[in-house]
Amino acid sequence: MKQPEIDYLAQIEQLKREKNAILLAHYYQQDEIQDAADFIGDSLELSRKAMSTKARVIVFAGVYFMAETAKILNPERVVVIPDHEAGCSLVEQSPVEAFRRFRETHPDHFIITYINSSAAVKALSDVTCTSSNALQIVAKAPKNRPLMFAPDRNLGRYIRQESGRLDMELWDGSCVVHEVFSVRRIMELQDLHPGAELIAHPECEKPLLEMADFVGSTSALLRYVAGSNKQSFIVATESGILHQMRKRAPGKELIPAPPEGDCSCNLCPHMRLHTIEKVYRALKDERPAVEIEESLRAAALRPIERMLDWSSV
């Protein structure tokens, strides 16, 4: 006998009320997860929301380091992630032992670590940042110490250029999504859509950023499209953001920047592990839960709090 279909959106709403729960979702999530979320944002916005929420349960539809950050900020709350395997290529490319060796052999460096990193790596850093506030953070970093920016070399290179901090070393990591965009195919799109502006996330590679009409964080790209008098945009970031762009700027032409080849590589494979059913199960069962040992949590909290303090205005 066929089982009746579950109305996951209705069930999620009911469970949120019963459990005093909040669903936080990143812009790169599937459309229906974004529609079910209480709050949608980029890493900085989600960090601030996680810090301010009064909910007993936080369901975090993002990658694991984001849910981990929510737990660092809210040790007394239940934090769950729909799929525990939702990782991040930048986390994978900054292993804690390699990071510790750098810290030990470069004690003079002030380490600025992108929030796309593990709790253990954050704990070895002086301050964290997001793509939204990286320039603010670098501006407040000590002027008399060399800097290390980790782990995204493309974002670091862009921030180094924009800030003028030429003494900033770059960790050799990159985002698997933002590196795949094809300059050749984007140029072909520009020929087909001569009025379209190219907008790009700073995790993209330098040749693409040099072509772009506007470079900004995920939230900045969203605000730019909504506020621009232009009507057509080629969007070089994970295409999940297009859902919110269509809501904020109905009627505008939004063209996802293509990767090289015919893969769906402009979709984050980690973000896309979450489904609306997994969100429902995580909320219902309150697992997989994120747990962090207290001494590690306290050490990772310090650079996050410094980031939030330095970017509070």
C-alpha atoms as a PDB file:
ATOM      1  CA  MET A   1       0.000   0.000   0.000  1.00  0.00           C
ATOM      2  CA  LYS A   2       1.380   3.367  -1.037  1.00  0.00           C
ATOM      3  CA  GLN A   3       2.393   5.594   1.869  1.00  0.00           C
ATOM      4  CA  PRO A   4       0.871   9.090   1.894  1.00  0.00           C
ATOM      5  CA  GLU A   5       3.252  11.846   0.936  1.00  0.00           C
ATOM      6  CA  ILE A   6       4.529  14.027   3.774  1.00  0.00           C
ATOM      7  CA  ASP A   7       4.024  17.765   3.508  1.00  0.00           C
ATOM      8  CA  TYR A   8       7.523  18.563   4.723  1.00  0.00           C
ATOM      9  CA  LEU A   9       7.057  22.320   4.765  1.00  0.00           C
ATOM     10  CA  ALA A  10       3.966  22.062   6.978  1.00  0.00           C
ATOM     11  CA  GLN A  11       5.637  19.504   9.257  1.00  0.00           C
ATOM     12  CA  ILE A  12       8.737  21.678   9.605  1.00  0.00           C
ATOM     13  CA  GLU A  13       6.622  24.681  10.582  1.00  0.00           C
ATOM     14  CA  GLN A  14       4.768  22.641  13.192  1.00  0.00           C
ATOM     15  CA  LEU A  15       7.977  21.194  14.655  1.00  0.00           C
ATOM     16  CA  LYS A  16       9.604  24.615  14.837  1.00  0.00           C
ATOM     17  CA  ARG A  17       6.697  25.856  16.960  1.00  0.00           C
ATOM     18  CA  GLU A  18       6.655  22.773  19.192  1.00  0.00           C
ATOM     19  CA  LYS A  19      10.421  22.672  19.765  1.00  0.00           C
ATOM     20  CA  ASN A  20      11.191  26.414  19.851  1.00  0.00           C
ATOM     21  CA  ALA A  21      13.472  25.869  16.860  1.00  0.00           C
ATOM     22  CA  ILE A  22      14.876  28.089  14.130  1.00  0.00           C
ATOM     23  CA  LEU A  23      15.960  27.046  10.646  1.00  0.00           C
ATOM     24  CA  LEU A  24      18.965  28.974   9.305  1.00  0.00           C
ATOM     25  CA  ALA A  25      19.878  28.502   5.648  1.00  0.00           C
ATOM     26  CA  HIS A  26      22.681  29.696   3.419  1.00  0.00           C
ATOM     27  CA  TYR A  27      21.936  31.304   0.057  1.00  0.00           C
ATOM     28  CA  TYR A  28      23.389  28.252  -1.700  1.00  0.00           C
ATOM     29  CA  GLN A  29      20.710  25.860  -0.445  1.00  0.00           C
ATOM     30  CA  GLN A  30      17.975  24.366  -2.599  1.00  0.00           C
ATOM     31  CA  ASP A  31      15.045  26.696  -3.260  1.00  0.00           C
ATOM     32  CA  GLU A  32      12.567  24.812  -1.064  1.00  0.00           C
ATOM     33  CA  ILE A  33      14.959  24.853   1.906  1.00  0.00           C
ATOM     34  CA  GLN A  34      15.387  28.596   1.482  1.00  0.00           C
ATOM     35  CA  ASP A  35      11.599  28.956   1.423  1.00  0.00           C
ATOM     36  CA  ALA A  36      11.281  26.966   4.666  1.00  0.00           C
ATOM     37  CA  ALA A  37      13.999  28.942   6.465  1.00  0.00           C
ATOM     38  CA  ASP A  38      13.383  31.533   9.160  1.00  0.00           C
ATOM     39  CA  PHE A  39      16.523  33.357   8.107  1.00  0.00           C
ATOM     40  CA  ILE A  40      18.659  33.218   4.952  1.00  0.00           C
ATOM     41  CA  GLY A  41      22.085  34.783   4.751  1.00  0.00           C
ATOM     42  CA  ASP A  42      25.778  34.565   4.047  1.00  0.00           C
ATOM     43  CA  SER A  43      28.354  33.424   6.590  1.00  0.00           C
ATOM     44  CA  LEU A  44      28.555  36.748   8.453  1.00  0.00           C
ATOM     45  CA  GLU A  45      24.791  37.245   8.597  1.00  0.00           C
ATOM     46  CA  LEU A  46      24.252  33.673   9.740  1.00  0.00           C
ATOM     47  CA  SER A  47      26.925  34.034  12.440  1.00  0.00           C
ATOM     48  CA  ARG A  48      25.195  37.122  13.799  1.00  0.00           C
ATOM     49  CA  LYS A  49      21.795  35.453  13.680  1.00  0.00           C
ATOM     50  CA  ALA A  50      23.116  32.355  15.436  1.00  0.00           C
ATOM     51  CA  MET A  51      24.557  34.568  18.166  1.00  0.00           C
ATOM     52  CA  SER A  52      21.313  36.495  18.731  1.00  0.00           C
ATOM     53  CA  THR A  53      18.712  33.739  18.504  1.00  0.00           C
ATOM     54  CA  LYS A  54      16.707  32.683  21.570  1.00  0.00           C
ATOM     55  CA  ALA A  55      15.666  29.388  19.992  1.00  0.00           C
ATOM     56  CA  ARG A  56      16.356  26.149  21.886  1.00  0.00           C
ATOM     57  CA  VAL A  57      17.189  24.267  18.671  1.00  0.00           C
ATOM     58  CA  ILE A  58      19.137  25.625  15.703  1.00  0.00           C
ATOM     59  CA  VAL A  59      18.803  23.655  12.461  1.00  0.00           C
ATOM     60  CA  PHE A  60      21.622  24.809  10.197  1.00  0.00           C
ATOM     61  CA  ALA A  61      21.173  24.186   6.483  1.00  0.00           C
ATOM     62  CA  GLY A  62      24.679  25.035   5.368  1.00  0.00           C
ATOM     63  CA  VAL A  63      28.029  23.290   5.422  1.00  0.00           C
ATOM     64  CA  TYR A  64      29.482  21.801   8.585  1.00  0.00           C
ATOM     65  CA  PHE A  65      31.818  24.652   9.542  1.00  0.00           C
ATOM     66  CA  MET A  66      28.776  26.976   9.627  1.00  0.00           C
ATOM     67  CA  ALA A  67      26.859  24.713  12.008  1.00  0.00           C
ATOM     68  CA  GLU A  68      30.057  24.333  14.026  1.00  0.00           C
ATOM     69  CA  THR A  69      30.321  28.131  14.277  1.00  0.00           C
ATOM     70  CA  ALA A  70      26.722  28.285  15.506  1.00  0.00           C
ATOM     71  CA  LYS A  71      27.589  25.771  18.232  1.00  0.00           C
ATOM     72  CA  ILE A  72      30.718  27.720  19.198  1.00  0.00           C
ATOM     73  CA  LEU A  73      28.516  30.785  19.687  1.00  0.00           C
ATOM     74  CA  ASN A  74      25.688  28.851  21.363  1.00  0.00           C
ATOM     75  CA  PRO A  75      27.111  26.026  23.490  1.00  0.00           C
ATOM     76  CA  GLU A  76      23.900  25.706  25.508  1.00  0.00           C
ATOM     77  CA  ARG A  77      21.663  25.205  22.470  1.00  0.00           C
ATOM     78  CA  VAL A  78      21.021  22.119  20.374  1.00  0.00           C
ATOM     79  CA  VAL A  79      22.603  22.642  16.935  1.00  0.00           C
ATOM     80  CA  VAL A  80      21.826  20.112  14.226  1.00  0.00           C
ATOM     81  CA  ILE A  81      22.826  19.849  10.579  1.00  0.00           C
ATOM     82  CA  PRO A  82      20.634  17.920   8.115  1.00  0.00           C
ATOM     83  CA  ASP A  83      23.552  16.017   6.558  1.00  0.00           C
ATOM     84  CA  HIS A  84      26.695  15.565   8.650  1.00  0.00           C
ATOM     85  CA  GLU A  85      28.762  14.968   5.495  1.00  0.00           C
ATOM     86  CA  ALA A  86      28.200  18.509   4.183  1.00  0.00           C
ATOM     87  CA  GLY A  87      31.826  19.591   4.229  1.00  0.00           C
ATOM     88  CA  CYS A  88      33.872  22.270   2.446  1.00  0.00           C
ATOM     89  CA  SER A  89      36.849  22.085   0.106  1.00  0.00           C
ATOM     90  CA  LEU A  90      38.518  24.978   1.934  1.00  0.00           C
ATOM     91  CA  VAL A  91      38.298  23.122   5.245  1.00  0.00           C
ATOM     92  CA  GLU A  92      39.815  20.062   3.576  1.00  0.00           C
ATOM     93  CA  GLN A  93      42.693  22.165   2.213  1.00  0.00           C
ATOM     94  CA  SER A  94      43.659  23.639   5.592  1.00  0.00           C
ATOM     95  CA  PRO A  95      44.407  20.649   7.843  1.00  0.00           C
ATOM     96  CA  VAL A  96      44.984  21.597  11.447  1.00  0.00           C
ATOM     97  CA  GLU A  97      48.450  19.998  11.747  1.00  0.00           C
ATOM     98  CA  ALA A  98      49.779  21.972   8.775  1.00  0.00           C
ATOM     99  CA  PHE A  99      48.221  25.091  10.236  1.00  0.00           C
ATOM    100  CA  ARG A 100      49.806  24.425  13.627  1.00  0.00           C
ATOM    101  CA  ARG A 101      53.236  24.015  11.998  1.00  0.00           C
ATOM    102  CA  PHE A 102      52.850  27.383  10.292  1.00  0.00           C
ATOM    103  CA  ARG A 103      51.811  28.999  13.563  1.00  0.00           C
ATOM    104  CA  GLU A 104      54.851  27.543  15.347  1.00  0.00           C
ATOM    105  CA  THR A 105      57.354  28.491  12.647  1.00  0.00           C
ATOM    106  CA  HIS A 106      55.910  31.977  11.984  1.00  0.00           C
ATOM    107  CA  PRO A 107      55.153  33.362  15.455  1.00  0.00           C
ATOM    108  CA  ASP A 108      55.450  36.915  14.133  1.00  0.00           C
ATOM    109  CA  HIS A 109      52.514  36.539  11.708  1.00  0.00           C
ATOM    110  CA  PHE A 110      49.024  37.771  12.527  1.00  0.00           C
ATOM    111  CA  ILE A 111      46.700  35.088  11.150  1.00  0.00           C
ATOM    112  CA  ILE A 112      43.400  36.069   9.514  1.00  0.00           C
ATOM    113  CA  THR A 113      41.348  32.985   8.778  1.00  0.00           C
ATOM    114  CA  TYR A 114      38.324  32.859   6.523  1.00  0.00           C
ATOM    115  CA  ILE A 115      35.322  31.501   8.375  1.00  0.00           C
ATOM    116  CA  ASN A 116      35.373  28.587   5.898  1.00  0.00           C
ATOM    117  CA  SER A 117      37.620  26.644   8.274  1.00  0.00           C
ATOM    118  CA  SER A 118      37.372  24.087  11.047  1.00  0.00           C
ATOM    119  CA  ALA A 119      37.008  24.979  14.724  1.00  0.00           C
ATOM    120  CA  ALA A 120      40.525  23.622  15.299  1.00  0.00           C
ATOM    121  CA  VAL A 121      41.996  25.973  12.682  1.00  0.00           C
ATOM    122  CA  LYS A 122      39.983  28.917  14.016  1.00  0.00           C
ATOM    123  CA  ALA A 123      41.440  28.183  17.456  1.00  0.00           C
ATOM    124  CA  LEU A 124      44.947  28.721  16.034  1.00  0.00           C
ATOM    125  CA  SER A 125      43.995  32.028  14.389  1.00  0.00           C
ATOM    126  CA  ASP A 126      44.079  35.612  15.602  1.00  0.00           C
ATOM    127  CA  VAL A 127      40.814  36.633  13.959  1.00  0.00           C
ATOM    128  CA  THR A 128      38.313  35.158  11.524  1.00  0.00           C
ATOM    129  CA  CYS A 129      36.616  36.934   8.628  1.00  0.00           C
ATOM    130  CA  THR A 130      34.010  36.436   5.931  1.00  0.00           C
ATOM    131  CA  SER A 131      33.987  37.701   2.369  1.00  0.00           C
ATOM    132  CA  SER A 132      31.610  40.440   3.576  1.00  0.00           C
ATOM    133  CA  ASN A 133      33.947  41.875   6.201  1.00  0.00           C
ATOM    134  CA  ALA A 134      37.453  40.786   5.156  1.00  0.00           C
ATOM    135  CA  LEU A 135      38.508  44.298   4.148  1.00  0.00           C
ATOM    136  CA  GLN A 136      37.323  45.679   7.502  1.00  0.00           C
ATOM    137  CA  ILE A 137      39.225  42.977   9.362  1.00  0.00           C
ATOM    138  CA  VAL A 138      42.459  43.521   7.409  1.00  0.00           C
ATOM    139  CA  ALA A 139      42.188  47.281   7.982  1.00  0.00           C
ATOM    140  CA  LYS A 140      42.140  46.669  11.749  1.00  0.00           C
ATOM    141  CA  ALA A 141      44.947  44.111  11.767  1.00  0.00           C
ATOM    142  CA  PRO A 142      48.292  45.187  13.307  1.00  0.00           C
ATOM    143  CA  LYS A 143      50.359  47.322  10.936  1.00  0.00           C
ATOM    144  CA  ASN A 144      53.661  46.210  12.477  1.00  0.00           C
ATOM    145  CA  ARG A 145      53.215  42.464  11.894  1.00  0.00           C
ATOM    146  CA  PRO A 146      53.139  40.470   8.633  1.00  0.00           C
ATOM    147  CA  LEU A 147      49.820  38.812   7.876  1.00  0.00           C
ATOM    148  CA  MET A 148      48.754  35.344   6.819  1.00  0.00           C
ATOM    149  CA  PHE A 149      45.395  35.021   5.081  1.00  0.00           C
ATOM    150  CA  ALA A 150      43.974  31.505   4.991  1.00  0.00           C
ATOM    151  CA  PRO A 151      42.714  29.317   3.460  1.00  0.00           C
ATOM    152  CA  ASP A 152      41.309  30.851   0.219  1.00  0.00           C
ATOM    153  CA  ARG A 153      44.117  32.226  -1.948  1.00  0.00           C
ATOM    154  CA  ASN A 154      41.735  33.876  -4.435  1.00  0.00           C
ATOM    155  CA  LEU A 155      39.870  35.834  -1.791  1.00  0.00           C
ATOM    156  CA  GLY A 156      43.189  36.600  -0.091  1.00  0.00           C
ATOM    157  CA  ARG A 157      44.727  37.886  -3.318  1.00  0.00           C
ATOM    158  CA  TYR A 158      41.731  40.135  -3.916  1.00  0.00           C
ATOM    159  CA  ILE A 159      41.818  41.473  -0.344  1.00  0.00           C
ATOM    160  CA  ARG A 160      45.574  42.031  -0.535  1.00  0.00           C
ATOM    161  CA  GLN A 161      45.134  44.059  -3.707  1.00  0.00           C
ATOM    162  CA  GLU A 162      42.183  46.088  -2.388  1.00  0.00           C
ATOM    163  CA  SER A 163      43.709  46.723   1.048  1.00  0.00           C
ATOM    164  CA  GLY A 164      47.281  47.398  -0.066  1.00  0.00           C
ATOM    165  CA  ARG A 165      48.628  44.976   2.580  1.00  0.00           C
ATOM    166  CA  LEU A 166      51.400  43.574   0.415  1.00  0.00           C
ATOM    167  CA  ASP A 167      52.971  41.869   3.450  1.00  0.00           C
ATOM    168  CA  MET A 168      50.118  39.348   3.505  1.00  0.00           C
ATOM    169  CA  GLU A 169      51.026  35.736   2.736  1.00  0.00           C
ATOM    170  CA  LEU A 170      48.331  33.490   1.258  1.00  0.00           C
ATOM    171  CA  TRP A 171      47.479  29.917   2.186  1.00  0.00           C
ATOM    172  CA  ASP A 172      47.198  27.762  -0.926  1.00  0.00           C
ATOM    173  CA  GLY A 173      43.523  26.775  -0.826  1.00  0.00           C
ATOM    174  CA  SER A 174      40.537  27.405  -3.078  1.00  0.00           C
ATOM    175  CA  CYS A 175      36.799  26.814  -3.404  1.00  0.00           C
ATOM    176  CA  VAL A 176      35.957  24.008  -5.822  1.00  0.00           C
ATOM    177  CA  VAL A 177      32.868  25.888  -7.034  1.00  0.00           C
ATOM    178  CA  HIS A 178      34.356  29.332  -7.611  1.00  0.00           C
ATOM    179  CA  GLU A 179      37.421  27.993  -9.430  1.00  0.00           C
ATOM    180  CA  VAL A 180      35.458  26.218 -12.160  1.00  0.00           C
ATOM    181  CA  PHE A 181      33.918  29.208 -13.909  1.00  0.00           C
ATOM    182  CA  SER A 182      35.086  29.412 -17.494  1.00  0.00           C
ATOM    183  CA  VAL A 183      36.378  32.797 -18.679  1.00  0.00           C
ATOM    184  CA  ARG A 184      36.050  31.595 -22.265  1.00  0.00           C
ATOM    185  CA  ARG A 185      32.396  30.630 -21.870  1.00  0.00           C
ATOM    186  CA  ILE A 186      31.596  33.814 -19.944  1.00  0.00           C
ATOM    187  CA  MET A 187      33.038  35.846 -22.824  1.00  0.00           C
ATOM    188  CA  GLU A 188      30.776  33.904 -25.180  1.00  0.00           C
ATOM    189  CA  LEU A 189      27.813  34.771 -22.935  1.00  0.00           C
ATOM    190  CA  GLN A 190      28.804  38.434 -23.010  1.00  0.00           C
ATOM    191  CA  ASP A 191      28.693  38.331 -26.810  1.00  0.00           C
ATOM    192  CA  LEU A 192      25.188  36.839 -26.634  1.00  0.00           C
ATOM    193  CA  HIS A 193      24.051  39.296 -23.920  1.00  0.00           C
ATOM    194  CA  PRO A 194      25.972  42.525 -24.637  1.00  0.00           C
ATOM    195  CA  GLY A 195      24.015  44.515 -22.038  1.00  0.00           C
ATOM    196  CA  ALA A 196      24.615  42.071 -19.198  1.00  0.00           C
ATOM    197  CA  GLU A 197      26.894  43.002 -16.304  1.00  0.00           C
ATOM    198  CA  LEU A 198      29.266  40.371 -14.959  1.00  0.00           C
ATOM    199  CA  ILE A 199      29.164  40.180 -11.157  1.00  0.00           C
ATOM    200  CA  ALA A 200      31.462  37.851  -9.234  1.00  0.00           C
ATOM    201  CA  HIS A 201      32.310  36.534  -5.788  1.00  0.00           C
ATOM    202  CA  PRO A 202      35.912  37.284  -4.706  1.00  0.00           C
ATOM    203  CA  GLU A 203      36.615  33.553  -4.306  1.00  0.00           C
ATOM    204  CA  CYS A 204      36.747  33.424  -8.120  1.00  0.00           C
ATOM    205  CA  GLU A 205      40.108  33.419  -9.881  1.00  0.00           C
ATOM    206  CA  LYS A 206      41.910  36.644 -10.742  1.00  0.00           C
ATOM    207  CA  PRO A 207      41.255  36.705 -14.546  1.00  0.00           C
ATOM    208  CA  LEU A 208      37.515  36.499 -13.935  1.00  0.00           C
ATOM    209  CA  LEU A 209      37.589  39.169 -11.217  1.00  0.00           C
ATOM    210  CA  GLU A 210      39.464  41.485 -13.569  1.00  0.00           C
ATOM    211  CA  MET A 211      36.632  41.111 -16.095  1.00  0.00           C
ATOM    212  CA  ALA A 212      33.854  41.715 -13.577  1.00  0.00           C
ATOM    213  CA  ASP A 213      31.762  44.875 -13.398  1.00  0.00           C
ATOM    214  CA  PHE A 214      31.188  44.267  -9.681  1.00  0.00           C
ATOM    215  CA  VAL A 215      32.917  42.029  -7.120  1.00  0.00           C
ATOM    216  CA  GLY A 216      31.342  41.294  -3.750  1.00  0.00           C
ATOM    217  CA  SER A 217      30.239  38.776  -1.158  1.00  0.00           C
ATOM    218  CA  THR A 218      27.084  36.749  -1.705  1.00  0.00           C
ATOM    219  CA  SER A 219      24.979  39.315   0.141  1.00  0.00           C
ATOM    220  CA  ALA A 220      26.674  42.182  -1.691  1.00  0.00           C
ATOM    221  CA  LEU A 221      25.892  40.561  -5.039  1.00  0.00           C
ATOM    222  CA  LEU A 222      22.259  40.218  -4.003  1.00  0.00           C
ATOM    223  CA  ARG A 223      22.049  43.875  -2.939  1.00  0.00           C
ATOM    224  CA  TYR A 224      23.763  44.988  -6.144  1.00  0.00           C
ATOM    225  CA  VAL A 225      21.293  43.205  -8.409  1.00  0.00           C
ATOM    226  CA  ALA A 226      18.303  44.469  -6.405  1.00  0.00           C
ATOM    227  CA  GLY A 227      19.534  48.071  -6.416  1.00  0.00           C
ATOM    228  CA  SER A 228      20.958  48.346  -9.926  1.00  0.00           C
ATOM    229  CA  ASN A 229      19.136  50.002 -12.812  1.00  0.00           C
ATOM    230  CA  LYS A 230      20.651  47.357 -15.090  1.00  0.00           C
ATOM    231  CA  GLN A 231      18.342  44.585 -16.229  1.00  0.00           C
ATOM    232  CA  SER A 232      20.685  41.712 -17.088  1.00  0.00           C
ATOM    233  CA  PHE A 233      23.446  40.030 -15.055  1.00  0.00           C
ATOM    234  CA  ILE A 234      25.869  37.145 -15.484  1.00  0.00           C
ATOM    235  CA  VAL A 235      26.294  35.814 -11.946  1.00  0.00           C
ATOM    236  CA  ALA A 236      29.618  34.148 -11.062  1.00  0.00           C
ATOM    237  CA  THR A 237      28.922  32.421  -7.781  1.00  0.00           C
ATOM    238  CA  GLU A 238      26.995  29.344  -6.647  1.00  0.00           C
ATOM    239  CA  SER A 239      23.677  29.532  -8.486  1.00  0.00           C
ATOM    240  CA  GLY A 240      21.569  28.982  -5.360  1.00  0.00           C
ATOM    241  CA  ILE A 241      21.694  32.771  -4.880  1.00  0.00           C
ATOM    242  CA  LEU A 242      19.555  33.218  -8.007  1.00  0.00           C
ATOM    243  CA  HIS A 243      16.448  32.176  -6.040  1.00  0.00           C
ATOM    244  CA  GLN A 244      16.738  35.192  -3.739  1.00  0.00           C
ATOM    245  CA  MET A 245      17.785  37.452  -6.601  1.00  0.00           C
ATOM    246  CA  ARG A 246      14.602  36.561  -8.468  1.00  0.00           C
ATOM    247  CA  LYS A 247      12.571  37.417  -5.377  1.00  0.00           C
ATOM    248  CA  ARG A 248      14.331  40.741  -4.793  1.00  0.00           C
ATOM    249  CA  ALA A 249      14.586  41.728  -8.448  1.00  0.00           C
ATOM    250  CA  PRO A 250      11.658  40.161 -10.309  1.00  0.00           C
ATOM    251  CA  GLY A 251      11.808  40.563 -14.052  1.00  0.00           C
ATOM    252  CA  LYS A 252      15.570  40.980 -14.275  1.00  0.00           C
ATOM    253  CA  GLU A 253      17.556  38.555 -16.425  1.00  0.00           C
ATOM    254  CA  LEU A 254      19.869  36.416 -14.291  1.00  0.00           C
ATOM    255  CA  ILE A 255      22.339  34.200 -16.121  1.00  0.00           C
ATOM    256  CA  PRO A 256      24.421  31.706 -14.101  1.00  0.00           C
ATOM    257  CA  ALA A 257      28.085  31.803 -15.079  1.00  0.00           C
ATOM    258  CA  PRO A 258      28.993  28.492 -16.705  1.00  0.00           C
ATOM    259  CA  PRO A 259      31.790  26.122 -15.675  1.00  0.00           C
ATOM    260  CA  GLU A 260      34.230  24.662 -18.178  1.00  0.00           C
ATOM    261  CA  GLY A 261      32.641  21.571 -19.693  1.00  0.00           C
ATOM    262  CA  ASP A 262      29.116  20.299 -19.168  1.00  0.00           C
ATOM    263  CA  CYS A 263      29.206  19.454 -15.464  1.00  0.00           C
ATOM    264  CA  SER A 264      27.018  21.050 -12.778  1.00  0.00           C
ATOM    265  CA  CYS A 265      30.180  22.242 -11.043  1.00  0.00           C
ATOM    266  CA  ASN A 266      28.720  25.677 -10.309  1.00  0.00           C
ATOM    267  CA  LEU A 267      26.558  23.949  -7.689  1.00  0.00           C
ATOM    268  CA  CYS A 268      28.289  23.276  -4.375  1.00  0.00           C
ATOM    269  CA  PRO A 269      28.273  19.482  -3.932  1.00  0.00           C
ATOM    270  CA  HIS A 270      28.417  19.876  -0.147  1.00  0.00           C
ATOM    271  CA  MET A 271      25.598  22.406   0.197  1.00  0.00           C
ATOM    272  CA  ARG A 272      23.453  20.285  -2.103  1.00  0.00           C
ATOM    273  CA  LEU A 273      23.647  17.242   0.178  1.00  0.00           C
ATOM    274  CA  HIS A 274      20.807  18.771   2.199  1.00  0.00           C
ATOM    275  CA  THR A 275      17.225  18.072   1.171  1.00  0.00           C
ATOM    276  CA  ILE A 276      13.927  19.233   2.618  1.00  0.00           C
ATOM    277  CA  GLU A 277      13.361  15.689   3.928  1.00  0.00           C
ATOM    278  CA  LYS A 278      16.723  15.734   5.734  1.00  0.00           C
ATOM    279  CA  VAL A 279      15.832  19.118   7.253  1.00  0.00           C
ATOM    280  CA  TYR A 280      12.586  17.612   8.537  1.00  0.00           C
ATOM    281  CA  ARG A 281      14.342  14.518   9.957  1.00  0.00           C
ATOM    282  CA  ALA A 282      17.040  16.598  11.651  1.00  0.00           C
ATOM    283  CA  LEU A 283      14.435  18.811  13.274  1.00  0.00           C
ATOM    284  CA  LYS A 284      12.243  15.874  14.292  1.00  0.00           C
ATOM    285  CA  ASP A 285      15.051  13.741  15.745  1.00  0.00           C
ATOM    286  CA  GLU A 286      17.377  16.591  16.819  1.00  0.00           C
ATOM    287  CA  ARG A 287      20.312  14.928  15.134  1.00  0.00           C
ATOM    288  CA  PRO A 288      22.931  14.798  13.697  1.00  0.00           C
ATOM    289  CA  ALA A 289      23.906  17.142  16.518  1.00  0.00           C
ATOM    290  CA  VAL A 290      27.077  19.234  16.430  1.00  0.00           C
ATOM    291  CA  GLU A 291      29.253  18.773  19.519  1.00  0.00           C
ATOM    292  CA  ILE A 292      32.528  20.543  20.332  1.00  0.00           C
ATOM    293  CA  GLU A 293      34.833  19.873  23.272  1.00  0.00           C
ATOM    294  CA  GLU A 294      34.744  22.899  25.596  1.00  0.00           C
ATOM    295  CA  SER A 295      38.425  23.895  25.535  1.00  0.00           C
ATOM    296  CA  LEU A 296      38.403  23.835  21.726  1.00  0.00           C
ATOM    297  CA  ARG A 297      35.136  25.768  21.628  1.00  0.00           C
ATOM    298  CA  ALA A 298      36.524  28.479  23.926  1.00  0.00           C
ATOM    299  CA  ALA A 299      39.706  28.807  21.867  1.00  0.00           C
ATOM    300  CA  ALA A 300      37.759  29.021  18.583  1.00  0.00           C
ATOM    301  CA  LEU A 301      35.331  31.546  20.072  1.00  0.00           C
ATOM    302  CA  ARG A 302      37.971  34.228  20.633  1.00  0.00           C
ATOM    303  CA  PRO A 303      38.814  34.945  16.959  1.00  0.00           C
ATOM    304  CA  ILE A 304      35.105  34.817  16.046  1.00  0.00           C
ATOM    305  CA  GLU A 305      34.215  37.324  18.760  1.00  0.00           C
ATOM    306  CA  ARG A 306      37.058  39.568  17.589  1.00  0.00           C
ATOM    307  CA  MET A 307      35.665  39.396  14.044  1.00  0.00           C
ATOM    308  CA  LEU A 308      32.158  40.284  15.207  1.00  0.00           C
ATOM    309  CA  ASP A 309      33.524  43.157  17.284  1.00  0.00           C
ATOM    310  CA  TRP A 310      35.716  44.517  14.463  1.00  0.00           C
ATOM    311  CA  SER A 311      32.861  44.323  11.926  1.00  0.00           C
ATOM    312  CA  SER A 312      30.056  45.542  14.174  1.00  0.00           C
ATOM    313  CA  VAL A 313      29.750  48.927  12.460  1.00  0.00           C
END
